[in-house]
Amino acid sequence: MTSKKQATEQTRTVRTPPGGTPTVYSNQVQVVISPWDLRFIFAELEEATAEEMVVTERVRIAMSPAHARAFLELLSRQLDKYEGGFGPIHDPIKYAEEQAEKGAI
């Protein structure tokens, strides 16, 4: 006798705050770890000279190590899909150095 498992449908409700969910740009991230969580400090490098860097913190996100591991796996799969569709992601510093050596910049 074969048993069939019945699939249960689950509804998902996504709530957004009044005014919508903000979008935050970040070109810099710092990670702080403890035995209990990982904290990601997303910031934006706004200006840089030989003497000074101006960085504005945009948002801090804390998550459990288990959530961070799941996030890492999800992000890795999404980056693989991105590169499959748009080509490899270049290290911007290495790319700039290569272009400078070629005299392109």
N, C-alpha and C. Protein backbone atom coordinates (compact mmCIF):
# COMPACT_ATOMS: atom_id res chain seq x y z
N MET A 1 0.84 -1.18 0.00
CA MET A 1 0.00 0.00 0.00
C MET A 1 0.89 1.25 0.00
N THR A 2 0.58 2.14 -0.85
CA THR A 2 1.36 3.38 -0.94
C THR A 2 0.62 4.49 -0.23
N SER A 3 1.38 5.26 0.51
CA SER A 3 0.75 6.40 1.17
C SER A 3 1.14 7.68 0.44
N LYS A 4 0.20 8.55 0.32
CA LYS A 4 0.45 9.83 -0.33
C LYS A 4 0.43 10.91 0.73
N LYS A 5 1.46 11.75 0.68
CA LYS A 5 1.48 12.88 1.60
C LYS A 5 0.71 14.02 0.95
N GLN A 6 -0.15 14.59 1.71
CA GLN A 6 -0.92 15.70 1.19
C GLN A 6 -0.13 16.99 1.36
N ALA A 7 0.03 17.73 0.30
CA ALA A 7 0.73 19.01 0.38
C ALA A 7 -0.20 20.03 1.03
N THR A 8 0.32 20.71 2.01
CA THR A 8 -0.48 21.75 2.64
C THR A 8 -0.05 23.09 2.06
N GLU A 9 -1.02 23.92 1.80
CA GLU A 9 -0.71 25.24 1.27
C GLU A 9 -0.53 26.19 2.43
N GLN A 10 0.52 26.96 2.35
CA GLN A 10 0.80 27.94 3.39
C GLN A 10 0.74 29.32 2.74
N THR A 11 0.02 30.21 3.37
CA THR A 11 -0.01 31.56 2.83
C THR A 11 1.11 32.35 3.48
N ARG A 12 1.63 33.27 2.73
CA ARG A 12 2.71 34.12 3.21
C ARG A 12 2.25 35.55 3.16
N THR A 13 2.30 36.21 4.28
CA THR A 13 1.92 37.61 4.35
C THR A 13 3.18 38.44 4.55
N VAL A 14 3.41 39.39 3.67
CA VAL A 14 4.55 40.29 3.79
C VAL A 14 4.03 41.66 4.15
N ARG A 15 4.49 42.16 5.26
CA ARG A 15 4.06 43.48 5.71
C ARG A 15 5.17 44.49 5.45
N THR A 16 4.79 45.65 5.00
CA THR A 16 5.77 46.71 4.80
C THR A 16 5.41 47.86 5.74
N PRO A 17 6.42 48.58 6.20
CA PRO A 17 6.13 49.71 7.10
C PRO A 17 5.41 50.82 6.34
N PRO A 18 4.71 51.68 7.07
CA PRO A 18 4.06 52.82 6.42
C PRO A 18 5.09 53.61 5.61
N GLY A 19 4.75 53.95 4.40
CA GLY A 19 5.68 54.68 3.55
C GLY A 19 6.57 53.76 2.71
N GLY A 20 6.47 52.44 2.94
CA GLY A 20 7.25 51.48 2.15
C GLY A 20 8.56 51.08 2.81
N THR A 21 9.17 50.07 2.27
CA THR A 21 10.45 49.59 2.77
C THR A 21 11.57 50.41 2.15
N PRO A 22 12.45 50.97 2.97
CA PRO A 22 13.50 51.80 2.39
C PRO A 22 14.54 50.96 1.65
N THR A 23 15.10 51.53 0.61
CA THR A 23 16.20 50.91 -0.12
C THR A 23 17.47 51.62 0.31
N VAL A 24 18.48 50.86 0.66
CA VAL A 24 19.73 51.43 1.16
C VAL A 24 20.86 50.98 0.25
N TYR A 25 21.68 51.93 -0.19
CA TYR A 25 22.86 51.60 -0.99
C TYR A 25 24.05 51.47 -0.06
N SER A 26 24.88 50.48 -0.32
CA SER A 26 26.10 50.29 0.47
C SER A 26 27.22 49.85 -0.45
N ASN A 27 28.40 50.44 -0.26
CA ASN A 27 29.57 49.99 -1.00
C ASN A 27 30.68 49.58 -0.04
N GLN A 28 30.30 49.39 1.22
CA GLN A 28 31.25 48.97 2.23
C GLN A 28 30.50 48.25 3.34
N VAL A 29 31.07 47.17 3.85
CA VAL A 29 30.43 46.44 4.95
C VAL A 29 31.50 46.00 5.94
N GLN A 30 31.15 46.08 7.19
CA GLN A 30 32.02 45.60 8.26
C GLN A 30 31.25 44.51 9.00
N VAL A 31 31.91 43.44 9.40
CA VAL A 31 31.25 42.36 10.11
C VAL A 31 31.86 42.24 11.50
N VAL A 32 30.99 42.23 12.50
CA VAL A 32 31.40 42.06 13.89
C VAL A 32 30.77 40.77 14.38
N ILE A 33 31.59 39.89 14.97
CA ILE A 33 31.06 38.61 15.40
C ILE A 33 31.16 38.45 16.92
N SER A 34 30.24 37.68 17.46
CA SER A 34 30.27 37.28 18.86
C SER A 34 29.82 35.82 18.90
N PRO A 35 29.88 35.18 20.04
CA PRO A 35 29.40 33.80 20.10
C PRO A 35 27.91 33.66 19.78
N TRP A 36 27.14 34.73 19.88
CA TRP A 36 25.69 34.66 19.73
C TRP A 36 25.16 35.16 18.41
N ASP A 37 25.92 36.08 17.76
CA ASP A 37 25.39 36.63 16.51
C ASP A 37 26.49 37.23 15.66
N LEU A 38 26.10 37.60 14.45
CA LEU A 38 26.96 38.35 13.54
C LEU A 38 26.24 39.66 13.27
N ARG A 39 26.99 40.74 13.27
CA ARG A 39 26.43 42.06 13.00
C ARG A 39 27.10 42.63 11.76
N PHE A 40 26.26 43.00 10.81
CA PHE A 40 26.74 43.56 9.55
C PHE A 40 26.47 45.06 9.59
N ILE A 41 27.51 45.85 9.44
CA ILE A 41 27.37 47.30 9.43
C ILE A 41 27.58 47.75 7.99
N PHE A 42 26.48 48.10 7.34
CA PHE A 42 26.54 48.53 5.94
C PHE A 42 26.73 50.04 5.91
N ALA A 43 27.68 50.48 5.08
CA ALA A 43 28.01 51.90 5.01
C ALA A 43 28.23 52.30 3.56
N GLU A 44 28.37 53.59 3.36
CA GLU A 44 28.66 54.11 2.03
C GLU A 44 29.91 54.99 2.11
N LEU A 45 30.92 54.61 1.33
CA LEU A 45 32.12 55.43 1.21
C LEU A 45 31.75 56.58 0.29
N GLU A 46 31.73 57.77 0.84
CA GLU A 46 31.26 58.93 0.07
C GLU A 46 32.39 59.74 -0.54
N GLU A 47 33.50 59.84 0.18
CA GLU A 47 34.65 60.60 -0.32
C GLU A 47 35.93 59.91 0.14
N ALA A 48 36.95 59.99 -0.66
CA ALA A 48 38.24 59.45 -0.27
C ALA A 48 39.35 60.28 -0.89
N THR A 49 40.25 60.72 -0.03
CA THR A 49 41.46 61.39 -0.49
C THR A 49 42.63 60.67 0.16
N ALA A 50 43.84 61.11 -0.14
CA ALA A 50 45.02 60.49 0.49
C ALA A 50 45.00 60.72 2.00
N GLU A 51 44.36 61.80 2.43
CA GLU A 51 44.36 62.15 3.86
C GLU A 51 43.14 61.65 4.63
N GLU A 52 42.01 61.43 3.93
CA GLU A 52 40.78 61.16 4.67
C GLU A 52 39.78 60.33 3.86
N MET A 53 39.05 59.50 4.58
CA MET A 53 37.92 58.77 3.99
C MET A 53 36.67 59.19 4.76
N VAL A 54 35.60 59.49 4.03
CA VAL A 54 34.34 59.84 4.66
C VAL A 54 33.36 58.69 4.40
N VAL A 55 32.97 58.02 5.49
CA VAL A 55 32.09 56.86 5.41
C VAL A 55 30.85 57.16 6.25
N THR A 56 29.68 56.92 5.68
CA THR A 56 28.42 57.12 6.40
C THR A 56 27.77 55.77 6.63
N GLU A 57 27.56 55.42 7.90
CA GLU A 57 26.84 54.19 8.21
C GLU A 57 25.40 54.33 7.74
N ARG A 58 24.88 53.29 7.08
CA ARG A 58 23.52 53.33 6.56
C ARG A 58 22.57 52.46 7.37
N VAL A 59 23.02 51.24 7.74
CA VAL A 59 22.15 50.34 8.49
C VAL A 59 22.99 49.25 9.14
N ARG A 60 22.53 48.76 10.28
CA ARG A 60 23.17 47.62 10.96
C ARG A 60 22.16 46.48 10.98
N ILE A 61 22.63 45.29 10.64
CA ILE A 61 21.77 44.11 10.65
C ILE A 61 22.46 43.04 11.48
N ALA A 62 21.74 42.51 12.46
CA ALA A 62 22.27 41.44 13.31
C ALA A 62 21.49 40.17 12.99
N MET A 63 22.20 39.03 12.95
CA MET A 63 21.53 37.76 12.72
C MET A 63 22.29 36.64 13.42
N SER A 64 21.58 35.57 13.68
CA SER A 64 22.18 34.41 14.33
C SER A 64 23.18 33.75 13.38
N PRO A 65 24.14 32.99 13.91
CA PRO A 65 25.06 32.28 13.02
C PRO A 65 24.34 31.36 12.04
N ALA A 66 23.27 30.71 12.48
CA ALA A 66 22.52 29.82 11.58
C ALA A 66 21.89 30.61 10.44
N HIS A 67 21.32 31.77 10.75
CA HIS A 67 20.72 32.62 9.72
C HIS A 67 21.80 33.15 8.78
N ALA A 68 22.95 33.53 9.33
CA ALA A 68 24.05 34.02 8.49
C ALA A 68 24.52 32.94 7.53
N ARG A 69 24.59 31.68 7.99
CA ARG A 69 25.00 30.57 7.13
C ARG A 69 23.98 30.39 5.99
N ALA A 70 22.69 30.42 6.32
CA ALA A 70 21.66 30.28 5.30
C ALA A 70 21.72 31.45 4.31
N PHE A 71 21.98 32.66 4.82
CA PHE A 71 22.10 33.84 3.97
C PHE A 71 23.30 33.69 3.02
N LEU A 72 24.42 33.19 3.55
CA LEU A 72 25.61 32.96 2.73
C LEU A 72 25.30 32.02 1.57
N GLU A 73 24.61 30.93 1.86
CA GLU A 73 24.27 29.96 0.81
C GLU A 73 23.33 30.57 -0.23
N LEU A 74 22.33 31.31 0.23
CA LEU A 74 21.41 31.99 -0.68
C LEU A 74 22.15 33.01 -1.54
N LEU A 75 22.99 33.82 -0.93
CA LEU A 75 23.74 34.83 -1.67
C LEU A 75 24.67 34.19 -2.70
N SER A 76 25.31 33.09 -2.31
CA SER A 76 26.20 32.39 -3.24
C SER A 76 25.44 31.88 -4.46
N ARG A 77 24.27 31.30 -4.25
CA ARG A 77 23.46 30.81 -5.38
C ARG A 77 23.02 31.97 -6.27
N GLN A 78 22.63 33.08 -5.67
CA GLN A 78 22.17 34.22 -6.46
C GLN A 78 23.31 34.84 -7.26
N LEU A 79 24.51 34.90 -6.68
CA LEU A 79 25.66 35.43 -7.42
C LEU A 79 26.03 34.52 -8.59
N ASP A 80 25.92 33.20 -8.38
CA ASP A 80 26.16 32.27 -9.48
C ASP A 80 25.17 32.52 -10.62
N LYS A 81 23.90 32.73 -10.28
CA LYS A 81 22.88 33.02 -11.31
C LYS A 81 23.20 34.34 -12.01
N TYR A 82 23.58 35.35 -11.23
CA TYR A 82 23.92 36.66 -11.80
C TYR A 82 25.05 36.52 -12.81
N GLU A 83 26.13 35.82 -12.41
CA GLU A 83 27.27 35.66 -13.31
C GLU A 83 26.91 34.81 -14.53
N GLY A 84 25.99 33.86 -14.34
CA GLY A 84 25.53 33.06 -15.47
C GLY A 84 24.81 33.92 -16.50
N GLY A 85 24.11 34.94 -16.05
CA GLY A 85 23.37 35.81 -16.96
C GLY A 85 24.13 37.01 -17.46
N PHE A 86 25.04 37.55 -16.63
CA PHE A 86 25.71 38.81 -16.97
C PHE A 86 27.22 38.71 -17.10
N GLY A 87 27.78 37.56 -16.81
CA GLY A 87 29.24 37.40 -16.88
C GLY A 87 29.87 37.56 -15.52
N PRO A 88 31.18 37.31 -15.45
CA PRO A 88 31.87 37.32 -14.16
C PRO A 88 31.90 38.71 -13.52
N ILE A 89 31.87 38.70 -12.21
CA ILE A 89 31.99 39.93 -11.44
C ILE A 89 33.48 40.15 -11.18
N HIS A 90 33.98 41.30 -11.56
CA HIS A 90 35.39 41.60 -11.42
C HIS A 90 35.66 42.30 -10.09
N ASP A 91 36.79 42.01 -9.50
CA ASP A 91 37.25 42.74 -8.32
C ASP A 91 37.55 44.16 -8.79
N PRO A 92 36.87 45.18 -8.27
CA PRO A 92 37.03 46.53 -8.81
C PRO A 92 38.45 47.09 -8.65
N ILE A 93 39.13 46.74 -7.58
CA ILE A 93 40.49 47.25 -7.38
C ILE A 93 41.44 46.60 -8.39
N LYS A 94 41.34 45.28 -8.51
CA LYS A 94 42.18 44.55 -9.46
C LYS A 94 41.88 45.03 -10.89
N TYR A 95 40.60 45.22 -11.20
CA TYR A 95 40.20 45.66 -12.54
C TYR A 95 40.79 47.05 -12.83
N ALA A 96 40.72 47.98 -11.88
CA ALA A 96 41.26 49.33 -12.08
C ALA A 96 42.77 49.28 -12.29
N GLU A 97 43.45 48.42 -11.51
CA GLU A 97 44.90 48.28 -11.68
C GLU A 97 45.25 47.75 -13.07
N GLU A 98 44.50 46.75 -13.53
CA GLU A 98 44.73 46.17 -14.85
C GLU A 98 44.49 47.22 -15.94
N GLN A 99 43.42 48.00 -15.78
CA GLN A 99 43.12 49.03 -16.78
C GLN A 99 44.20 50.11 -16.79
N ALA A 100 44.72 50.46 -15.60
CA ALA A 100 45.77 51.48 -15.51
C ALA A 100 47.04 50.98 -16.19
N GLU A 101 47.36 49.68 -16.00
CA GLU A 101 48.55 49.11 -16.65
C GLU A 101 48.42 49.15 -18.17
N LYS A 102 47.20 48.98 -18.66
CA LYS A 102 46.96 49.02 -20.11
C LYS A 102 46.92 50.46 -20.63
N GLY A 103 46.90 51.42 -19.72
CA GLY A 103 46.80 52.82 -20.12
C GLY A 103 45.39 53.23 -20.45
N ALA A 104 44.41 52.42 -20.05
CA ALA A 104 43.03 52.71 -20.38
C ALA A 104 42.42 53.77 -19.47
N ILE A 105 43.01 53.95 -18.29
CA ILE A 105 42.51 55.00 -17.39
C ILE A 105 43.64 55.83 -16.87
